[in-house]
Amino acid sequence: MNEIHQLVVAALVVVGSFFLLVGTVGLLRLPDVYNRMHATSKATTLGASSLLLAGFVYYGPQGAGLTSLVGIVFLFLTAPTGAHLISRSAQKMGVPLFGKEAKWPGEESD
């Protein structure tokens, strides 16, 4: 493995770790379930994908590298769907939006 290859893997690991940290901070600090869902679904998808892409670059296109690519595709298909289902369930359970001015689209204002 040459130095450029090592630098690319290290950069992808650092970027992935950063996005995972941002998603974790968003999960802990944002005020309601909808905001938390947004932070975790977007940032952690990017973070996990960057780590999987680092695995692909490190291992190459066969074996574990191919598994990393399949993991990226699976993550991009399932993470938005899961986040949507969780937020839709929260809406149906009556979990309110944060703030008094926030309304659902199509909801009548007072």
PDB file of N, CA and C in Angstrom:
ATOM      1  N   MET A   1       0.856  -1.174   0.000  1.00  0.00           N
ATOM      2  CA  MET A   1       0.000   0.000   0.000  1.00  0.00           C
ATOM      3  C   MET A   1       0.902   1.238   0.000  1.00  0.00           C
ATOM      4  N   ASN A   2       0.729   2.089  -1.001  1.00  0.00           N
ATOM      5  CA  ASN A   2       1.559   3.285  -1.066  1.00  0.00           C
ATOM      6  C   ASN A   2       0.988   4.401  -0.186  1.00  0.00           C
ATOM      7  N   GLU A   3       1.720   5.512  -0.141  1.00  0.00           N
ATOM      8  CA  GLU A   3       1.324   6.590   0.778  1.00  0.00           C
ATOM      9  C   GLU A   3       0.022   7.265   0.381  1.00  0.00           C
ATOM     10  N   ILE A   4      -0.221   7.423  -0.903  1.00  0.00           N
ATOM     11  CA  ILE A   4      -1.471   8.062  -1.339  1.00  0.00           C
ATOM     12  C   ILE A   4      -2.659   7.185  -0.962  1.00  0.00           C
ATOM     13  N   HIS A   5      -2.506   5.889  -1.133  1.00  0.00           N
ATOM     14  CA  HIS A   5      -3.553   4.943  -0.749  1.00  0.00           C
ATOM     15  C   HIS A   5      -3.841   5.049   0.752  1.00  0.00           C
ATOM     16  N   GLN A   6      -2.811   5.123   1.547  1.00  0.00           N
ATOM     17  CA  GLN A   6      -2.977   5.258   2.992  1.00  0.00           C
ATOM     18  C   GLN A   6      -3.620   6.588   3.370  1.00  0.00           C
ATOM     19  N   LEU A   7      -3.245   7.651   2.661  1.00  0.00           N
ATOM     20  CA  LEU A   7      -3.843   8.964   2.949  1.00  0.00           C
ATOM     21  C   LEU A   7      -5.329   8.989   2.614  1.00  0.00           C
ATOM     22  N   VAL A   8      -5.723   8.350   1.512  1.00  0.00           N
ATOM     23  CA  VAL A   8      -7.143   8.311   1.140  1.00  0.00           C
ATOM     24  C   VAL A   8      -7.939   7.541   2.189  1.00  0.00           C
ATOM     25  N   VAL A   9      -7.421   6.397   2.610  1.00  0.00           N
ATOM     26  CA  VAL A   9      -8.112   5.610   3.644  1.00  0.00           C
ATOM     27  C   VAL A   9      -8.208   6.407   4.945  1.00  0.00           C
ATOM     28  N   ALA A  10      -7.123   7.048   5.341  1.00  0.00           N
ATOM     29  CA  ALA A  10      -7.140   7.839   6.577  1.00  0.00           C
ATOM     30  C   ALA A  10      -8.113   9.010   6.472  1.00  0.00           C
ATOM     31  N   ALA A  11      -8.146   9.677   5.322  1.00  0.00           N
ATOM     32  CA  ALA A  11      -9.070  10.808   5.148  1.00  0.00           C
ATOM     33  C   ALA A  11     -10.518  10.334   5.214  1.00  0.00           C
ATOM     34  N   LEU A  12     -10.824   9.194   4.602  1.00  0.00           N
ATOM     35  CA  LEU A  12     -12.198   8.677   4.650  1.00  0.00           C
ATOM     36  C   LEU A  12     -12.593   8.276   6.075  1.00  0.00           C
ATOM     37  N   VAL A  13     -11.669   7.721   6.822  1.00  0.00           N
ATOM     38  CA  VAL A  13     -11.960   7.361   8.214  1.00  0.00           C
ATOM     39  C   VAL A  13     -12.192   8.620   9.048  1.00  0.00           C
ATOM     40  N   VAL A  14     -11.396   9.657   8.826  1.00  0.00           N
ATOM     41  CA  VAL A  14     -11.569  10.901   9.580  1.00  0.00           C
ATOM     42  C   VAL A  14     -12.901  11.565   9.224  1.00  0.00           C
ATOM     43  N   VAL A  15     -13.225  11.616   7.939  1.00  0.00           N
ATOM     44  CA  VAL A  15     -14.496  12.218   7.517  1.00  0.00           C
ATOM     45  C   VAL A  15     -15.670  11.410   8.083  1.00  0.00           C
ATOM     46  N   GLY A  16     -15.592  10.099   8.002  1.00  0.00           N
ATOM     47  CA  GLY A  16     -16.662   9.262   8.546  1.00  0.00           C
ATOM     48  C   GLY A  16     -16.824   9.434  10.039  1.00  0.00           C
ATOM     49  N   SER A  17     -15.721   9.504  10.748  1.00  0.00           N
ATOM     50  CA  SER A  17     -15.796   9.708  12.195  1.00  0.00           C
ATOM     51  C   SER A  17     -16.397  11.064  12.530  1.00  0.00           C
ATOM     52  N   PHE A  18     -16.047  12.086  11.747  1.00  0.00           N
ATOM     53  CA  PHE A  18     -16.606  13.413  11.977  1.00  0.00           C
ATOM     54  C   PHE A  18     -18.128  13.407  11.810  1.00  0.00           C
ATOM     55  N   PHE A  19     -18.606  12.805  10.726  1.00  0.00           N
ATOM     56  CA  PHE A  19     -20.060  12.785  10.508  1.00  0.00           C
ATOM     57  C   PHE A  19     -20.779  11.956  11.569  1.00  0.00           C
ATOM     58  N   LEU A  20     -20.164  10.865  12.000  1.00  0.00           N
ATOM     59  CA  LEU A  20     -20.783  10.087  13.075  1.00  0.00           C
ATOM     60  C   LEU A  20     -20.836  10.885  14.373  1.00  0.00           C
ATOM     61  N   LEU A  21     -19.804  11.671  14.637  1.00  0.00           N
ATOM     62  CA  LEU A  21     -19.809  12.526  15.819  1.00  0.00           C
ATOM     63  C   LEU A  21     -20.894  13.594  15.714  1.00  0.00           C
ATOM     64  N   VAL A  22     -21.046  14.199  14.535  1.00  0.00           N
ATOM     65  CA  VAL A  22     -22.091  15.206  14.335  1.00  0.00           C
ATOM     66  C   VAL A  22     -23.478  14.583  14.532  1.00  0.00           C
ATOM     67  N   GLY A  23     -23.690  13.391  14.013  1.00  0.00           N
ATOM     68  CA  GLY A  23     -24.974  12.717  14.200  1.00  0.00           C
ATOM     69  C   GLY A  23     -25.249  12.398  15.654  1.00  0.00           C
ATOM     70  N   THR A  24     -24.219  12.012  16.379  1.00  0.00           N
ATOM     71  CA  THR A  24     -24.390  11.705  17.795  1.00  0.00           C
ATOM     72  C   THR A  24     -24.703  12.957  18.595  1.00  0.00           C
ATOM     73  N   VAL A  25     -24.006  14.043  18.310  1.00  0.00           N
ATOM     74  CA  VAL A  25     -24.289  15.310  18.999  1.00  0.00           C
ATOM     75  C   VAL A  25     -25.710  15.776  18.683  1.00  0.00           C
ATOM     76  N   GLY A  26     -26.119  15.626  17.419  1.00  0.00           N
ATOM     77  CA  GLY A  26     -27.493  15.989  17.050  1.00  0.00           C
ATOM     78  C   GLY A  26     -28.515  15.150  17.783  1.00  0.00           C
ATOM     79  N   LEU A  27     -28.240  13.877  17.930  1.00  0.00           N
ATOM     80  CA  LEU A  27     -29.160  13.000  18.652  1.00  0.00           C
ATOM     81  C   LEU A  27     -29.289  13.419  20.115  1.00  0.00           C
ATOM     82  N   LEU A  28     -28.196  13.852  20.693  1.00  0.00           N
ATOM     83  CA  LEU A  28     -28.216  14.205  22.112  1.00  0.00           C
ATOM     84  C   LEU A  28     -28.730  15.618  22.364  1.00  0.00           C
ATOM     85  N   ARG A  29     -28.555  16.542  21.426  1.00  0.00           N
ATOM     86  CA  ARG A  29     -28.814  17.950  21.698  1.00  0.00           C
ATOM     87  C   ARG A  29     -30.092  18.514  21.076  1.00  0.00           C
ATOM     88  N   LEU A  30     -30.610  17.934  20.017  1.00  0.00           N
ATOM     89  CA  LEU A  30     -31.767  18.536  19.348  1.00  0.00           C
ATOM     90  C   LEU A  30     -33.051  18.289  20.153  1.00  0.00           C
ATOM     91  N   PRO A  31     -34.058  19.176  20.003  1.00  0.00           N
ATOM     92  CA  PRO A  31     -35.155  19.203  20.965  1.00  0.00           C
ATOM     93  C   PRO A  31     -36.244  18.144  20.798  1.00  0.00           C
ATOM     94  N   ASP A  32     -36.555  17.699  19.597  1.00  0.00           N
ATOM     95  CA  ASP A  32     -37.656  16.745  19.480  1.00  0.00           C
ATOM     96  C   ASP A  32     -37.282  15.583  18.567  1.00  0.00           C
ATOM     97  N   VAL A  33     -38.176  14.630  18.487  1.00  0.00           N
ATOM     98  CA  VAL A  33     -37.876  13.391  17.766  1.00  0.00           C
ATOM     99  C   VAL A  33     -37.657  13.641  16.274  1.00  0.00           C
ATOM    100  N   TYR A  34     -38.331  14.611  15.703  1.00  0.00           N
ATOM    101  CA  TYR A  34     -38.210  14.876  14.264  1.00  0.00           C
ATOM    102  C   TYR A  34     -36.842  15.474  13.938  1.00  0.00           C
ATOM    103  N   ASN A  35     -36.395  16.414  14.738  1.00  0.00           N
ATOM    104  CA  ASN A  35     -35.064  16.990  14.528  1.00  0.00           C
ATOM    105  C   ASN A  35     -33.970  15.956  14.782  1.00  0.00           C
ATOM    106  N   ARG A  36     -34.157  15.148  15.817  1.00  0.00           N
ATOM    107  CA  ARG A  36     -33.168  14.113  16.105  1.00  0.00           C
ATOM    108  C   ARG A  36     -33.095  13.093  14.983  1.00  0.00           C
ATOM    109  N   MET A  37     -34.245  12.760  14.439  1.00  0.00           N
ATOM    110  CA  MET A  37     -34.280  11.797  13.337  1.00  0.00           C
ATOM    111  C   MET A  37     -33.552  12.344  12.116  1.00  0.00           C
ATOM    112  N   HIS A  38     -33.733  13.625  11.849  1.00  0.00           N
ATOM    113  CA  HIS A  38     -33.053  14.246  10.719  1.00  0.00           C
ATOM    114  C   HIS A  38     -31.537  14.202  10.913  1.00  0.00           C
ATOM    115  N   ALA A  39     -31.083  14.568  12.102  1.00  0.00           N
ATOM    116  CA  ALA A  39     -29.640  14.605  12.353  1.00  0.00           C
ATOM    117  C   ALA A  39     -29.021  13.224  12.254  1.00  0.00           C
ATOM    118  N   THR A  40     -29.683  12.251  12.839  1.00  0.00           N
ATOM    119  CA  THR A  40     -29.087  10.917  12.834  1.00  0.00           C
ATOM    120  C   THR A  40     -29.157  10.264  11.472  1.00  0.00           C
ATOM    121  N   SER A  41     -30.244  10.454  10.747  1.00  0.00           N
ATOM    122  CA  SER A  41     -30.350   9.763   9.462  1.00  0.00           C
ATOM    123  C   SER A  41     -29.398  10.340   8.425  1.00  0.00           C
ATOM    124  N   LYS A  42     -29.245  11.620   8.370  1.00  0.00           N
ATOM    125  CA  LYS A  42     -28.369  12.224   7.352  1.00  0.00           C
ATOM    126  C   LYS A  42     -26.892  12.075   7.710  1.00  0.00           C
ATOM    127  N   ALA A  43     -26.545  12.547   8.885  1.00  0.00           N
ATOM    128  CA  ALA A  43     -25.124  12.586   9.242  1.00  0.00           C
ATOM    129  C   ALA A  43     -24.543  11.187   9.439  1.00  0.00           C
ATOM    130  N   THR A  44     -25.278  10.317  10.088  1.00  0.00           N
ATOM    131  CA  THR A  44     -24.706   8.992  10.320  1.00  0.00           C
ATOM    132  C   THR A  44     -24.680   8.149   9.059  1.00  0.00           C
ATOM    133  N   THR A  45     -25.593   8.403   8.127  1.00  0.00           N
ATOM    134  CA  THR A  45     -25.514   7.702   6.842  1.00  0.00           C
ATOM    135  C   THR A  45     -24.239   8.092   6.110  1.00  0.00           C
ATOM    136  N   LEU A  46     -23.938   9.378   6.096  1.00  0.00           N
ATOM    137  CA  LEU A  46     -22.699   9.822   5.459  1.00  0.00           C
ATOM    138  C   LEU A  46     -21.467   9.291   6.188  1.00  0.00           C
ATOM    139  N   GLY A  47     -21.519   9.297   7.513  1.00  0.00           N
ATOM    140  CA  GLY A  47     -20.376   8.810   8.293  1.00  0.00           C
ATOM    141  C   GLY A  47     -20.135   7.327   8.088  1.00  0.00           C
ATOM    142  N   ALA A  48     -21.186   6.542   8.183  1.00  0.00           N
ATOM    143  CA  ALA A  48     -21.017   5.101   7.992  1.00  0.00           C
ATOM    144  C   ALA A  48     -20.610   4.775   6.564  1.00  0.00           C
ATOM    145  N   SER A  49     -21.146   5.515   5.599  1.00  0.00           N
ATOM    146  CA  SER A  49     -20.763   5.288   4.205  1.00  0.00           C
ATOM    147  C   SER A  49     -19.296   5.629   3.969  1.00  0.00           C
ATOM    148  N   SER A  50     -18.812   6.673   4.603  1.00  0.00           N
ATOM    149  CA  SER A  50     -17.399   7.017   4.462  1.00  0.00           C
ATOM    150  C   SER A  50     -16.508   5.931   5.048  1.00  0.00           C
ATOM    151  N   LEU A  51     -16.910   5.380   6.182  1.00  0.00           N
ATOM    152  CA  LEU A  51     -16.120   4.295   6.766  1.00  0.00           C
ATOM    153  C   LEU A  51     -16.157   3.055   5.887  1.00  0.00           C
ATOM    154  N   LEU A  52     -17.325   2.746   5.332  1.00  0.00           N
ATOM    155  CA  LEU A  52     -17.409   1.596   4.427  1.00  0.00           C
ATOM    156  C   LEU A  52     -16.608   1.837   3.144  1.00  0.00           C
ATOM    157  N   LEU A  53     -16.619   3.067   2.666  1.00  0.00           N
ATOM    158  CA  LEU A  53     -15.821   3.393   1.478  1.00  0.00           C
ATOM    159  C   LEU A  53     -14.334   3.273   1.775  1.00  0.00           C
ATOM    160  N   ALA A  54     -13.933   3.623   2.986  1.00  0.00           N
ATOM    161  CA  ALA A  54     -12.536   3.409   3.389  1.00  0.00           C
ATOM    162  C   ALA A  54     -12.195   1.928   3.372  1.00  0.00           C
ATOM    163  N   GLY A  55     -13.129   1.093   3.793  1.00  0.00           N
ATOM    164  CA  GLY A  55     -12.917  -0.357   3.724  1.00  0.00           C
ATOM    165  C   GLY A  55     -12.793  -0.833   2.291  1.00  0.00           C
ATOM    166  N   PHE A  56     -13.586  -0.256   1.400  1.00  0.00           N
ATOM    167  CA  PHE A  56     -13.483  -0.621  -0.017  1.00  0.00           C
ATOM    168  C   PHE A  56     -12.129  -0.217  -0.581  1.00  0.00           C
ATOM    169  N   VAL A  57     -11.674   0.984  -0.261  1.00  0.00           N
ATOM    170  CA  VAL A  57     -10.376   1.449  -0.766  1.00  0.00           C
ATOM    171  C   VAL A  57      -9.249   0.595  -0.182  1.00  0.00           C
ATOM    172  N   TYR A  58      -9.365   0.220   1.065  1.00  0.00           N
ATOM    173  CA  TYR A  58      -8.311  -0.549   1.724  1.00  0.00           C
ATOM    174  C   TYR A  58      -8.240  -1.975   1.180  1.00  0.00           C
ATOM    175  N   TYR A  59      -9.395  -2.646   1.053  1.00  0.00           N
ATOM    176  CA  TYR A  59      -9.392  -4.059   0.668  1.00  0.00           C
ATOM    177  C   TYR A  59      -9.460  -4.297  -0.827  1.00  0.00           C
ATOM    178  N   GLY A  60      -9.882  -3.287  -1.602  1.00  0.00           N
ATOM    179  CA  GLY A  60      -9.977  -3.470  -3.033  1.00  0.00           C
ATOM    180  C   GLY A  60     -11.340  -3.970  -3.459  1.00  0.00           C
ATOM    181  N   PRO A  61     -11.519  -4.219  -4.763  1.00  0.00           N
ATOM    182  CA  PRO A  61     -12.859  -4.525  -5.276  1.00  0.00           C
ATOM    183  C   PRO A  61     -13.330  -5.960  -5.036  1.00  0.00           C
ATOM    184  N   GLN A  62     -12.554  -6.792  -4.387  1.00  0.00           N
ATOM    185  CA  GLN A  62     -12.973  -8.181  -4.160  1.00  0.00           C
ATOM    186  C   GLN A  62     -13.063  -8.459  -2.665  1.00  0.00           C
ATOM    187  N   GLY A  63     -13.819  -9.455  -2.301  1.00  0.00           N
ATOM    188  CA  GLY A  63     -13.910  -9.887  -0.908  1.00  0.00           C
ATOM    189  C   GLY A  63     -14.532  -8.850  -0.004  1.00  0.00           C
ATOM    190  N   ALA A  64     -13.783  -8.419   0.997  1.00  0.00           N
ATOM    191  CA  ALA A  64     -14.301  -7.466   1.978  1.00  0.00           C
ATOM    192  C   ALA A  64     -14.615  -6.112   1.344  1.00  0.00           C
ATOM    193  N   GLY A  65     -13.897  -5.735   0.317  1.00  0.00           N
ATOM    194  CA  GLY A  65     -14.183  -4.485  -0.373  1.00  0.00           C
ATOM    195  C   GLY A  65     -15.546  -4.511  -1.044  1.00  0.00           C
ATOM    196  N   LEU A  66     -15.881  -5.633  -1.665  1.00  0.00           N
ATOM    197  CA  LEU A  66     -17.197  -5.774  -2.295  1.00  0.00           C
ATOM    198  C   LEU A  66     -18.297  -5.753  -1.241  1.00  0.00           C
ATOM    199  N   THR A  67     -18.041  -6.372  -0.116  1.00  0.00           N
ATOM    200  CA  THR A  67     -19.000  -6.329   0.990  1.00  0.00           C
ATOM    201  C   THR A  67     -19.219  -4.893   1.456  1.00  0.00           C
ATOM    202  N   SER A  68     -18.167  -4.090   1.473  1.00  0.00           N
ATOM    203  CA  SER A  68     -18.303  -2.684   1.861  1.00  0.00           C
ATOM    204  C   SER A  68     -19.187  -1.924   0.877  1.00  0.00           C
ATOM    205  N   LEU A  69     -19.029  -2.193  -0.415  1.00  0.00           N
ATOM    206  CA  LEU A  69     -19.875  -1.522  -1.412  1.00  0.00           C
ATOM    207  C   LEU A  69     -21.337  -1.922  -1.257  1.00  0.00           C
ATOM    208  N   VAL A  70     -21.583  -3.200  -1.013  1.00  0.00           N
ATOM    209  CA  VAL A  70     -22.954  -3.661  -0.802  1.00  0.00           C
ATOM    210  C   VAL A  70     -23.534  -3.009   0.461  1.00  0.00           C
ATOM    211  N   GLY A  71     -22.695  -2.831   1.478  1.00  0.00           N
ATOM    212  CA  GLY A  71     -23.137  -2.151   2.700  1.00  0.00           C
ATOM    213  C   GLY A  71     -23.529  -0.712   2.441  1.00  0.00           C
ATOM    214  N   ILE A  72     -22.803  -0.029   1.585  1.00  0.00           N
ATOM    215  CA  ILE A  72     -23.144   1.364   1.248  1.00  0.00           C
ATOM    216  C   ILE A  72     -24.499   1.417   0.554  1.00  0.00           C
ATOM    217  N   VAL A  73     -24.709   0.539  -0.412  1.00  0.00           N
ATOM    218  CA  VAL A  73     -25.993   0.519  -1.128  1.00  0.00           C
ATOM    219  C   VAL A  73     -27.134   0.211  -0.164  1.00  0.00           C
ATOM    220  N   PHE A  74     -26.940  -0.800   0.690  1.00  0.00           N
ATOM    221  CA  PHE A  74     -27.966  -1.155   1.673  1.00  0.00           C
ATOM    222  C   PHE A  74     -28.259   0.009   2.610  1.00  0.00           C
ATOM    223  N   LEU A  75     -27.230   0.696   3.038  1.00  0.00           N
ATOM    224  CA  LEU A  75     -27.411   1.827   3.957  1.00  0.00           C
ATOM    225  C   LEU A  75     -28.185   2.962   3.297  1.00  0.00           C
ATOM    226  N   PHE A  76     -27.869   3.270   2.036  1.00  0.00           N
ATOM    227  CA  PHE A  76     -28.572   4.356   1.355  1.00  0.00           C
ATOM    228  C   PHE A  76     -30.018   3.993   1.033  1.00  0.00           C
ATOM    229  N   LEU A  77     -30.331   2.703   0.951  1.00  0.00           N
ATOM    230  CA  LEU A  77     -31.720   2.300   0.714  1.00  0.00           C
ATOM    231  C   LEU A  77     -32.530   2.250   2.004  1.00  0.00           C
ATOM    232  N   THR A  78     -31.927   1.821   3.090  1.00  0.00           N
ATOM    233  CA  THR A  78     -32.700   1.577   4.308  1.00  0.00           C
ATOM    234  C   THR A  78     -32.736   2.742   5.285  1.00  0.00           C
ATOM    235  N   ALA A  79     -31.707   3.553   5.358  1.00  0.00           N
ATOM    236  CA  ALA A  79     -31.683   4.630   6.355  1.00  0.00           C
ATOM    237  C   ALA A  79     -32.785   5.670   6.139  1.00  0.00           C
ATOM    238  N   PRO A  80     -32.998   6.186   4.920  1.00  0.00           N
ATOM    239  CA  PRO A  80     -34.096   7.148   4.759  1.00  0.00           C
ATOM    240  C   PRO A  80     -35.464   6.520   4.976  1.00  0.00           C
ATOM    241  N   THR A  81     -35.619   5.274   4.573  1.00  0.00           N
ATOM    242  CA  THR A  81     -36.904   4.601   4.762  1.00  0.00           C
ATOM    243  C   THR A  81     -37.193   4.413   6.250  1.00  0.00           C
ATOM    244  N   GLY A  82     -36.204   3.982   6.993  1.00  0.00           N
ATOM    245  CA  GLY A  82     -36.394   3.805   8.423  1.00  0.00           C
ATOM    246  C   GLY A  82     -36.675   5.111   9.143  1.00  0.00           C
ATOM    247  N   ALA A  83     -35.968   6.159   8.761  1.00  0.00           N
ATOM    248  CA  ALA A  83     -36.197   7.462   9.389  1.00  0.00           C
ATOM    249  C   ALA A  83     -37.596   7.972   9.078  1.00  0.00           C
ATOM    250  N   HIS A  84     -38.036   7.777   7.854  1.00  0.00           N
ATOM    251  CA  HIS A  84     -39.385   8.205   7.490  1.00  0.00           C
ATOM    252  C   HIS A  84     -40.434   7.430   8.286  1.00  0.00           C
ATOM    253  N   LEU A  85     -40.261   6.136   8.415  1.00  0.00           N
ATOM    254  CA  LEU A  85     -41.229   5.331   9.153  1.00  0.00           C
ATOM    255  C   LEU A  85     -41.270   5.713  10.637  1.00  0.00           C
ATOM    256  N   ILE A  86     -40.134   5.976  11.228  1.00  0.00           N
ATOM    257  CA  ILE A  86     -40.109   6.367  12.638  1.00  0.00           C
ATOM    258  C   ILE A  86     -40.777   7.727  12.836  1.00  0.00           C
ATOM    259  N   SER A  87     -40.475   8.700  11.967  1.00  0.00           N
ATOM    260  CA  SER A  87     -41.089  10.016  12.120  1.00  0.00           C
ATOM    261  C   SER A  87     -42.587   9.969  11.812  1.00  0.00           C
ATOM    262  N   ARG A  88     -42.990   9.159  10.876  1.00  0.00           N
ATOM    263  CA  ARG A  88     -44.428   9.012  10.575  1.00  0.00           C
ATOM    264  C   ARG A  88     -45.162   8.369  11.748  1.00  0.00           C
ATOM    265  N   SER A  89     -44.530   7.393  12.369  1.00  0.00           N
ATOM    266  CA  SER A  89     -45.123   6.765  13.550  1.00  0.00           C
ATOM    267  C   SER A  89     -45.245   7.764  14.690  1.00  0.00           C
ATOM    268  N   ALA A  90     -44.231   8.602  14.858  1.00  0.00           N
ATOM    269  CA  ALA A  90     -44.293   9.620  15.907  1.00  0.00           C
ATOM    270  C   ALA A  90     -45.428  10.593  15.640  1.00  0.00           C
ATOM    271  N   GLN A  91     -45.614  10.968  14.373  1.00  0.00           N
ATOM    272  CA  GLN A  91     -46.716  11.872  14.035  1.00  0.00           C
ATOM    273  C   GLN A  91     -48.055  11.221  14.341  1.00  0.00           C
ATOM    274  N   LYS A  92     -48.218   9.950  13.966  1.00  0.00           N
ATOM    275  CA  LYS A  92     -49.497   9.266  14.215  1.00  0.00           C
ATOM    276  C   LYS A  92     -49.751   9.059  15.707  1.00  0.00           C
ATOM    277  N   MET A  93     -48.676   8.969  16.506  1.00  0.00           N
ATOM    278  CA  MET A  93     -48.833   8.822  17.950  1.00  0.00           C
ATOM    279  C   MET A  93     -49.103  10.165  18.623  1.00  0.00           C
ATOM    280  N   GLY A  94     -49.030  11.273  17.856  1.00  0.00           N
ATOM    281  CA  GLY A  94     -49.343  12.576  18.405  1.00  0.00           C
ATOM    282  C   GLY A  94     -48.170  13.280  19.054  1.00  0.00           C
ATOM    283  N   VAL A  95     -46.955  12.895  18.719  1.00  0.00           N
ATOM    284  CA  VAL A  95     -45.780  13.579  19.267  1.00  0.00           C
ATOM    285  C   VAL A  95     -45.733  14.985  18.656  1.00  0.00           C
ATOM    286  N   PRO A  96     -45.754  16.034  19.486  1.00  0.00           N
ATOM    287  CA  PRO A  96     -45.820  17.395  18.940  1.00  0.00           C
ATOM    288  C   PRO A  96     -44.493  17.848  18.344  1.00  0.00           C
ATOM    289  N   LEU A  97     -44.599  18.809  17.438  1.00  0.00           N
ATOM    290  CA  LEU A  97     -43.406  19.451  16.892  1.00  0.00           C
ATOM    291  C   LEU A  97     -42.839  20.408  17.924  1.00  0.00           C
ATOM    292  N   PHE A  98     -41.557  20.701  17.830  1.00  0.00           N
ATOM    293  CA  PHE A  98     -40.916  21.641  18.744  1.00  0.00           C
ATOM    294  C   PHE A  98     -41.324  23.061  18.380  1.00  0.00           C
ATOM    295  N   GLY A  99     -41.693  23.840  19.362  1.00  0.00           N
ATOM    296  CA  GLY A  99     -42.045  25.236  19.131  1.00  0.00           C
ATOM    297  C   GLY A  99     -43.543  25.399  18.915  1.00  0.00           C
ATOM    298  N   LYS A 100     -44.033  26.577  19.256  1.00  0.00           N
ATOM    299  CA  LYS A 100     -45.461  26.830  19.142  1.00  0.00           C
ATOM    300  C   LYS A 100     -45.882  27.175  17.724  1.00  0.00           C
ATOM    301  N   GLU A 101     -44.964  27.723  16.918  1.00  0.00           N
ATOM    302  CA  GLU A 101     -45.319  28.160  15.572  1.00  0.00           C
ATOM    303  C   GLU A 101     -45.280  27.034  14.542  1.00  0.00           C
ATOM    304  N   ALA A 102     -44.641  25.941  14.858  1.00  0.00           N
ATOM    305  CA  ALA A 102     -44.485  24.857  13.888  1.00  0.00           C
ATOM    306  C   ALA A 102     -45.800  24.114  13.703  1.00  0.00           C
ATOM    307  N   LYS A 103     -46.169  23.914  12.468  1.00  0.00           N
ATOM    308  CA  LYS A 103     -47.403  23.197  12.126  1.00  0.00           C
ATOM    309  C   LYS A 103     -47.089  22.170  11.041  1.00  0.00           C
ATOM    310  N   TRP A 104     -47.858  21.121  10.995  1.00  0.00           N
ATOM    311  CA  TRP A 104     -47.742  20.160   9.911  1.00  0.00           C
ATOM    312  C   TRP A 104     -48.301  20.773   8.645  1.00  0.00           C
ATOM    313  N   PRO A 105     -47.780  20.425   7.500  1.00  0.00           N
ATOM    314  CA  PRO A 105     -48.338  20.943   6.237  1.00  0.00           C
ATOM    315  C   PRO A 105     -49.807  20.531   6.095  1.00  0.00           C
ATOM    316  N   GLY A 106     -50.639  21.483   5.735  1.00  0.00           N
ATOM    317  CA  GLY A 106     -52.058  21.213   5.577  1.00  0.00           C
ATOM    318  C   GLY A 106     -52.846  21.354   6.861  1.00  0.00           C
ATOM    319  N   GLU A 107     -52.162  21.573   7.982  1.00  0.00           N
ATOM    320  CA  GLU A 107     -52.843  21.742   9.261  1.00  0.00           C
ATOM    321  C   GLU A 107     -53.331  23.174   9.386  1.00  0.00           C
ATOM    322  N   GLU A 108     -54.558  23.346   9.904  1.00  0.00           N
ATOM    323  CA  GLU A 108     -55.107  24.693  10.062  1.00  0.00           C
ATOM    324  C   GLU A 108     -54.393  25.437  11.172  1.00  0.00           C
ATOM    325  N   SER A 109     -54.187  26.741  10.934  1.00  0.00           N
ATOM    326  CA  SER A 109     -53.562  27.563  11.965  1.00  0.00           C
ATOM    327  C   SER A 109     -54.622  28.102  12.903  1.00  0.00           C
ATOM    328  N   ASP A 110     -54.231  28.405  14.135  1.00  0.00           N
ATOM    329  CA  ASP A 110     -55.172  28.906  15.150  1.00  0.00           C
ATOM    330  C   ASP A 110     -55.446  30.374  14.984  1.00  0.00           C
TER     331      ASP A 110
END
